[in-house]
């Protein structure tokens, strides 16, 4: 059950990251980072790895986008 919640948070974070890739919307990735961190924590508690892995990928993409844009743009 916890893995399902983690997977849902990862999917929501992925949708937010896709929107945050657009120019001038990079600040939205801060929301995706927060959501995916919660999903990673829940994923570590769960017995399966799929939710945690999805959240880790979303977190890496969001942080990479923030690094490119200087954290804001």
PDB file of N, CA and C in Angstrom:
ATOM      1  N   UNK A   1       0.819  -1.191   0.000  1.00  0.00           N
ATOM      2  CA  UNK A   1       0.000   0.000   0.000  1.00  0.00           C
ATOM      3  C   UNK A   1       0.869   1.263   0.000  1.00  0.00           C
ATOM      4  N   UNK A   2       1.941   1.229   0.787  1.00  0.00           N
ATOM      5  CA  UNK A   2       2.829   2.379   0.837  1.00  0.00           C
ATOM      6  C   UNK A   2       3.530   2.566  -0.503  1.00  0.00           C
ATOM      7  N   UNK A   3       3.853   1.451  -1.170  1.00  0.00           N
ATOM      8  CA  UNK A   3       4.479   1.549  -2.486  1.00  0.00           C
ATOM      9  C   UNK A   3       3.535   2.199  -3.484  1.00  0.00           C
ATOM     10  N   UNK A   4       2.253   1.916  -3.399  1.00  0.00           N
ATOM     11  CA  UNK A   4       1.273   2.533  -4.296  1.00  0.00           C
ATOM     12  C   UNK A   4       1.203   4.039  -4.066  1.00  0.00           C
ATOM     13  N   UNK A   5       1.215   4.463  -2.815  1.00  0.00           N
ATOM     14  CA  UNK A   5       1.207   5.894  -2.510  1.00  0.00           C
ATOM     15  C   UNK A   5       2.481   6.545  -3.033  1.00  0.00           C
ATOM     16  N   UNK A   6       3.610   5.875  -2.863  1.00  0.00           N
ATOM     17  CA  UNK A   6       4.877   6.388  -3.380  1.00  0.00           C
ATOM     18  C   UNK A   6       4.841   6.491  -4.896  1.00  0.00           C
ATOM     19  N   UNK A   7       4.271   5.493  -5.554  1.00  0.00           N
ATOM     20  CA  UNK A   7       4.172   5.510  -7.016  1.00  0.00           C
ATOM     21  C   UNK A   7       3.261   6.643  -7.486  1.00  0.00           C
ATOM     22  N   UNK A   8       2.158   6.881  -6.790  1.00  0.00           N
ATOM     23  CA  UNK A   8       1.245   7.975  -7.148  1.00  0.00           C
ATOM     24  C   UNK A   8       1.942   9.323  -6.970  1.00  0.00           C
ATOM     25  N   UNK A   9       2.696   9.482  -5.891  1.00  0.00           N
ATOM     26  CA  UNK A   9       3.454  10.716  -5.691  1.00  0.00           C
ATOM     27  C   UNK A   9       4.505  10.892  -6.784  1.00  0.00           C
ATOM     28  N   UNK A  10       5.131   9.803  -7.198  1.00  0.00           N
ATOM     29  CA  UNK A  10       6.109   9.868  -8.287  1.00  0.00           C
ATOM     30  C   UNK A  10       5.466  10.272  -9.597  1.00  0.00           C
ATOM     31  N   UNK A  11       4.295   9.750  -9.863  1.00  0.00           N
ATOM     32  CA  UNK A  11       3.591  10.125 -11.096  1.00  0.00           C
ATOM     33  C   UNK A  11       3.189  11.594 -11.062  1.00  0.00           C
ATOM     34  N   UNK A  12       2.702  12.069  -9.910  1.00  0.00           N
ATOM     35  CA  UNK A  12       2.330  13.478  -9.783  1.00  0.00           C
ATOM     36  C   UNK A  12       3.558  14.366  -9.931  1.00  0.00           C
ATOM     37  N   UNK A  13       4.666  13.952  -9.338  1.00  0.00           N
ATOM     38  CA  UNK A  13       5.903  14.707  -9.492  1.00  0.00           C
ATOM     39  C   UNK A  13       6.388  14.730 -10.925  1.00  0.00           C
ATOM     40  N   UNK A  14       6.202  13.620 -11.644  1.00  0.00           N
ATOM     41  CA  UNK A  14       6.618  13.565 -13.038  1.00  0.00           C
ATOM     42  C   UNK A  14       5.805  14.537 -13.894  1.00  0.00           C
ATOM     43  N   UNK A  15       4.522  14.632 -13.645  1.00  0.00           N
ATOM     44  CA  UNK A  15       3.680  15.580 -14.381  1.00  0.00           C
ATOM     45  C   UNK A  15       4.141  17.012 -14.104  1.00  0.00           C
ATOM     46  N   UNK A  16       4.464  17.307 -12.857  1.00  0.00           N
ATOM     47  CA  UNK A  16       4.924  18.640 -12.502  1.00  0.00           C
ATOM     48  C   UNK A  16       6.274  18.938 -13.148  1.00  0.00           C
ATOM     49  N   UNK A  17       7.169  17.957 -13.195  1.00  0.00           N
ATOM     50  CA  UNK A  17       8.475  18.161 -13.828  1.00  0.00           C
ATOM     51  C   UNK A  17       8.316  18.409 -15.321  1.00  0.00           C
ATOM     52  N   UNK A  18       7.402  17.718 -15.960  1.00  0.00           N
ATOM     53  CA  UNK A  18       7.185  17.930 -17.390  1.00  0.00           C
ATOM     54  C   UNK A  18       6.732  19.357 -17.648  1.00  0.00           C
ATOM     55  N   UNK A  19       5.862  19.886 -16.793  1.00  0.00           N
ATOM     56  CA  UNK A  19       5.437  21.285 -16.922  1.00  0.00           C
ATOM     57  C   UNK A  19       6.599  22.212 -16.606  1.00  0.00           C
ATOM     58  N   UNK A  20       7.426  21.853 -15.619  1.00  0.00           N
ATOM     59  CA  UNK A  20       8.545  22.686 -15.203  1.00  0.00           C
ATOM     60  C   UNK A  20       9.691  22.743 -16.186  1.00  0.00           C
ATOM     61  N   UNK A  21       9.686  21.880 -17.194  1.00  0.00           N
ATOM     62  CA  UNK A  21      10.746  21.921 -18.199  1.00  0.00           C
ATOM     63  C   UNK A  21      10.578  23.116 -19.127  1.00  0.00           C
ATOM     64  N   UNK A  22       9.362  23.615 -19.255  1.00  0.00           N
ATOM     65  CA  UNK A  22       9.119  24.770 -20.113  1.00  0.00           C
ATOM     66  C   UNK A  22       9.889  25.984 -19.610  1.00  0.00           C
ATOM     67  N   UNK A  23      10.345  26.844 -20.505  1.00  0.00           N
ATOM     68  CA  UNK A  23      11.067  28.044 -20.077  1.00  0.00           C
ATOM     69  C   UNK A  23      10.199  28.926 -19.176  1.00  0.00           C
ATOM     70  N   UNK A  24      10.831  29.558 -18.210  1.00  0.00           N
ATOM     71  CA  UNK A  24      10.237  30.471 -17.244  1.00  0.00           C
ATOM     72  C   UNK A  24       9.298  29.783 -16.252  1.00  0.00           C
ATOM     73  N   UNK A  25       9.243  28.471 -16.258  1.00  0.00           N
ATOM     74  CA  UNK A  25       8.444  27.744 -15.273  1.00  0.00           C
ATOM     75  C   UNK A  25       9.310  26.803 -14.440  1.00  0.00           C
ATOM     76  N   UNK A  26      10.591  27.086 -14.377  1.00  0.00           N
ATOM     77  CA  UNK A  26      11.519  26.230 -13.644  1.00  0.00           C
ATOM     78  C   UNK A  26      11.281  26.212 -12.154  1.00  0.00           C
ATOM     79  N   UNK A  27      10.698  27.264 -11.618  1.00  0.00           N
ATOM     80  CA  UNK A  27      10.425  27.333 -10.179  1.00  0.00           C
ATOM     81  C   UNK A  27       9.437  26.258  -9.741  1.00  0.00           C
ATOM     82  N   UNK A  28       8.656  25.740 -10.670  1.00  0.00           N
ATOM     83  CA  UNK A  28       7.697  24.679 -10.346  1.00  0.00           C
ATOM     84  C   UNK A  28       8.418  23.397  -9.932  1.00  0.00           C
ATOM     85  N   UNK A  29       9.667  23.249 -10.376  1.00  0.00           N
ATOM     86  CA  UNK A  29      10.427  22.052 -10.023  1.00  0.00           C
ATOM     87  C   UNK A  29      10.704  21.956  -8.529  1.00  0.00           C
ATOM     88  N   UNK A  30      10.674  23.073  -7.809  1.00  0.00           N
ATOM     89  CA  UNK A  30      10.818  23.012  -6.350  1.00  0.00           C
ATOM     90  C   UNK A  30       9.668  22.223  -5.738  1.00  0.00           C
ATOM     91  N   UNK A  31       8.485  22.356  -6.290  1.00  0.00           N
ATOM     92  CA  UNK A  31       7.333  21.588  -5.809  1.00  0.00           C
ATOM     93  C   UNK A  31       7.537  20.104  -6.111  1.00  0.00           C
ATOM     94  N   UNK A  32       8.060  19.830  -7.315  1.00  0.00           N
ATOM     95  CA  UNK A  32       8.314  18.441  -7.696  1.00  0.00           C
ATOM     96  C   UNK A  32       9.386  17.813  -6.813  1.00  0.00           C
ATOM     97  N   UNK A  33      10.390  18.595  -6.424  1.00  0.00           N
ATOM     98  CA  UNK A  33      11.431  18.076  -5.535  1.00  0.00           C
ATOM     99  C   UNK A  33      10.827  17.686  -4.190  1.00  0.00           C
ATOM    100  N   UNK A  34       9.967  18.532  -3.652  1.00  0.00           N
ATOM    101  CA  UNK A  34       9.342  18.235  -2.362  1.00  0.00           C
ATOM    102  C   UNK A  34       8.466  16.990  -2.441  1.00  0.00           C
ATOM    103  N   UNK A  35       7.668  16.895  -3.493  1.00  0.00           N
ATOM    104  CA  UNK A  35       6.781  15.736  -3.652  1.00  0.00           C
ATOM    105  C   UNK A  35       7.592  14.455  -3.826  1.00  0.00           C
ATOM    106  N   UNK A  36       8.639  14.514  -4.641  1.00  0.00           N
ATOM    107  CA  UNK A  36       9.417  13.302  -4.884  1.00  0.00           C
ATOM    108  C   UNK A  36      10.251  12.908  -3.656  1.00  0.00           C
ATOM    109  N   UNK A  37      10.669  13.868  -2.846  1.00  0.00           N
ATOM    110  CA  UNK A  37      11.368  13.504  -1.607  1.00  0.00           C
ATOM    111  C   UNK A  37      10.446  12.749  -0.653  1.00  0.00           C
ATOM    112  N   UNK A  38       9.211  13.186  -0.560  1.00  0.00           N
ATOM    113  CA  UNK A  38       8.244  12.460   0.262  1.00  0.00           C
ATOM    114  C   UNK A  38       8.028  11.061  -0.311  1.00  0.00           C
ATOM    115  N   UNK A  39       7.943  10.976  -1.649  1.00  0.00           N
ATOM    116  CA  UNK A  39       7.781   9.675  -2.298  1.00  0.00           C
ATOM    117  C   UNK A  39       8.976   8.762  -2.092  1.00  0.00           C
ATOM    118  N   UNK A  40      10.187   9.321  -2.090  1.00  0.00           N
ATOM    119  CA  UNK A  40      11.387   8.513  -1.847  1.00  0.00           C
ATOM    120  C   UNK A  40      11.379   7.978  -0.427  1.00  0.00           C
ATOM    121  N   UNK A  41      11.016   8.813   0.521  1.00  0.00           N
ATOM    122  CA  UNK A  41      10.965   8.364   1.920  1.00  0.00           C
ATOM    123  C   UNK A  41       9.943   7.245   2.079  1.00  0.00           C
ATOM    124  N   UNK A  42       8.774   7.422   1.481  1.00  0.00           N
ATOM    125  CA  UNK A  42       7.771   6.350   1.545  1.00  0.00           C
ATOM    126  C   UNK A  42       8.241   5.109   0.794  1.00  0.00           C
ATOM    127  N   UNK A  43       8.981   5.314  -0.298  1.00  0.00           N
ATOM    128  CA  UNK A  43       9.496   4.183  -1.062  1.00  0.00           C
ATOM    129  C   UNK A  43      10.522   3.371  -0.295  1.00  0.00           C
ATOM    130  N   UNK A  44      11.295   4.031   0.562  1.00  0.00           N
ATOM    131  CA  UNK A  44      12.246   3.289   1.382  1.00  0.00           C
ATOM    132  C   UNK A  44      11.546   2.467   2.457  1.00  0.00           C
ATOM    133  N   UNK A  45      10.380   2.906   2.880  1.00  0.00           N
ATOM    134  CA  UNK A  45       9.621   2.154   3.876  1.00  0.00           C
ATOM    135  C   UNK A  45       8.944   0.944   3.239  1.00  0.00           C
ATOM    136  N   UNK A  46       8.544   1.083   1.966  1.00  0.00           N
ATOM    137  CA  UNK A  46       7.804   0.017   1.287  1.00  0.00           C
ATOM    138  C   UNK A  46       8.693  -1.193   1.014  1.00  0.00           C
ATOM    139  N   UNK A  47       8.061  -2.315   0.757  1.00  0.00           N
ATOM    140  CA  UNK A  47       8.807  -3.541   0.477  1.00  0.00           C
ATOM    141  C   UNK A  47       9.242  -3.636  -0.980  1.00  0.00           C
ATOM    142  N   UNK A  48       8.491  -3.029  -1.882  1.00  0.00           N
ATOM    143  CA  UNK A  48       8.850  -3.055  -3.297  1.00  0.00           C
ATOM    144  C   UNK A  48       9.641  -1.801  -3.662  1.00  0.00           C
ATOM    145  N   UNK A  49      10.313  -1.842  -4.819  1.00  0.00           N
ATOM    146  CA  UNK A  49      11.222  -0.759  -5.194  1.00  0.00           C
ATOM    147  C   UNK A  49      10.700   0.158  -6.292  1.00  0.00           C
ATOM    148  N   UNK A  50       9.591  -0.148  -6.932  1.00  0.00           N
ATOM    149  CA  UNK A  50       9.172   0.602  -8.115  1.00  0.00           C
ATOM    150  C   UNK A  50       8.815   2.048  -7.791  1.00  0.00           C
ATOM    151  N   UNK A  51       8.126   2.298  -6.709  1.00  0.00           N
ATOM    152  CA  UNK A  51       7.766   3.663  -6.335  1.00  0.00           C
ATOM    153  C   UNK A  51       8.987   4.490  -5.984  1.00  0.00           C
ATOM    154  N   UNK A  52       9.904   3.880  -5.242  1.00  0.00           N
ATOM    155  CA  UNK A  52      11.134   4.583  -4.872  1.00  0.00           C
ATOM    156  C   UNK A  52      11.969   4.919  -6.096  1.00  0.00           C
ATOM    157  N   UNK A  53      12.091   3.973  -7.027  1.00  0.00           N
ATOM    158  CA  UNK A  53      12.889   4.210  -8.218  1.00  0.00           C
ATOM    159  C   UNK A  53      12.290   5.307  -9.091  1.00  0.00           C
ATOM    160  N   UNK A  54      10.973   5.327  -9.243  1.00  0.00           N
ATOM    161  CA  UNK A  54      10.320   6.375 -10.020  1.00  0.00           C
ATOM    162  C   UNK A  54      10.568   7.738  -9.383  1.00  0.00           C
ATOM    163  N   UNK A  55      10.447   7.816  -8.080  1.00  0.00           N
ATOM    164  CA  UNK A  55      10.670   9.078  -7.392  1.00  0.00           C
ATOM    165  C   UNK A  55      12.122   9.527  -7.483  1.00  0.00           C
ATOM    166  N   UNK A  56      13.055   8.606  -7.453  1.00  0.00           N
ATOM    167  CA  UNK A  56      14.460   8.976  -7.600  1.00  0.00           C
ATOM    168  C   UNK A  56      14.739   9.554  -8.982  1.00  0.00           C
ATOM    169  N   UNK A  57      14.144   8.969 -10.014  1.00  0.00           N
ATOM    170  CA  UNK A  57      14.322   9.498 -11.374  1.00  0.00           C
ATOM    171  C   UNK A  57      13.715  10.890 -11.484  1.00  0.00           C
ATOM    172  N   UNK A  58      12.517  11.068 -10.943  1.00  0.00           N
ATOM    173  CA  UNK A  58      11.861  12.379 -10.975  1.00  0.00           C
ATOM    174  C   UNK A  58      12.697  13.398 -10.204  1.00  0.00           C
ATOM    175  N   UNK A  59      13.239  13.004  -9.069  1.00  0.00           N
ATOM    176  CA  UNK A  59      14.065  13.903  -8.269  1.00  0.00           C
ATOM    177  C   UNK A  59      15.327  14.319  -9.013  1.00  0.00           C
ATOM    178  N   UNK A  60      15.976  13.384  -9.682  1.00  0.00           N
ATOM    179  CA  UNK A  60      17.196  13.698 -10.425  1.00  0.00           C
ATOM    180  C   UNK A  60      16.891  14.645 -11.583  1.00  0.00           C
ATOM    181  N   UNK A  61      15.814  14.391 -12.310  1.00  0.00           N
ATOM    182  CA  UNK A  61      15.451  15.261 -13.434  1.00  0.00           C
ATOM    183  C   UNK A  61      15.101  16.664 -12.935  1.00  0.00           C
ATOM    184  N   UNK A  62      14.355  16.756 -11.845  1.00  0.00           N
ATOM    185  CA  UNK A  62      13.969  18.060 -11.300  1.00  0.00           C
ATOM    186  C   UNK A  62      15.193  18.831 -10.810  1.00  0.00           C
ATOM    187  N   UNK A  63      16.093  18.158 -10.116  1.00  0.00           N
ATOM    188  CA  UNK A  63      17.296  18.835  -9.633  1.00  0.00           C
ATOM    189  C   UNK A  63      18.210  19.249 -10.782  1.00  0.00           C
ATOM    190  N   UNK A  64      18.288  18.426 -11.822  1.00  0.00           N
ATOM    191  CA  UNK A  64      19.082  18.792 -12.998  1.00  0.00           C
ATOM    192  C   UNK A  64      18.510  20.032 -13.670  1.00  0.00           C
ATOM    193  N   UNK A  65      17.197  20.088 -13.806  1.00  0.00           N
ATOM    194  CA  UNK A  65      16.551  21.252 -14.412  1.00  0.00           C
ATOM    195  C   UNK A  65      16.763  22.498 -13.553  1.00  0.00           C
ATOM    196  N   UNK A  66      16.713  22.350 -12.252  1.00  0.00           N
ATOM    197  CA  UNK A  66      16.960  23.485 -11.364  1.00  0.00           C
ATOM    198  C   UNK A  66      18.406  23.949 -11.472  1.00  0.00           C
ATOM    199  N   UNK A  67      19.341  23.011 -11.615  1.00  0.00           N
ATOM    200  CA  UNK A  67      20.748  23.381 -11.743  1.00  0.00           C
ATOM    201  C   UNK A  67      21.006  24.131 -13.041  1.00  0.00           C
ATOM    202  N   UNK A  68      20.343  23.716 -14.110  1.00  0.00           N
ATOM    203  CA  UNK A  68      20.497  24.408 -15.390  1.00  0.00           C
ATOM    204  C   UNK A  68      19.951  25.832 -15.322  1.00  0.00           C
ATOM    205  N   UNK A  69      18.817  25.995 -14.677  1.00  0.00           N
ATOM    206  CA  UNK A  69      18.180  27.295 -14.614  1.00  0.00           C
ATOM    207  C   UNK A  69      18.613  28.166 -13.455  1.00  0.00           C
ATOM    208  N   UNK A  70      19.569  27.724 -12.669  1.00  0.00           N
ATOM    209  CA  UNK A  70      20.021  28.514 -11.543  1.00  0.00           C
ATOM    210  C   UNK A  70      19.059  28.500 -10.374  1.00  0.00           C
ATOM    211  N   UNK A  71      18.117  27.583 -10.344  1.00  0.00           N
ATOM    212  CA  UNK A  71      17.203  27.447  -9.226  1.00  0.00           C
ATOM    213  C   UNK A  71      15.898  28.214  -9.372  1.00  0.00           C
ATOM    214  N   UNK A  72      15.800  29.083 -10.363  1.00  0.00           N
ATOM    215  CA  UNK A  72      14.592  29.879 -10.502  1.00  0.00           C
ATOM    216  C   UNK A  72      13.988  29.781 -11.892  1.00  0.00           C
ATOM    217  N   UNK A  73      14.798  30.009 -12.905  1.00  0.00           N
ATOM    218  CA  UNK A  73      14.262  30.140 -14.260  1.00  0.00           C
ATOM    219  C   UNK A  73      13.887  28.802 -14.815  1.00  0.00           C
TER     220      UNK A  73
END
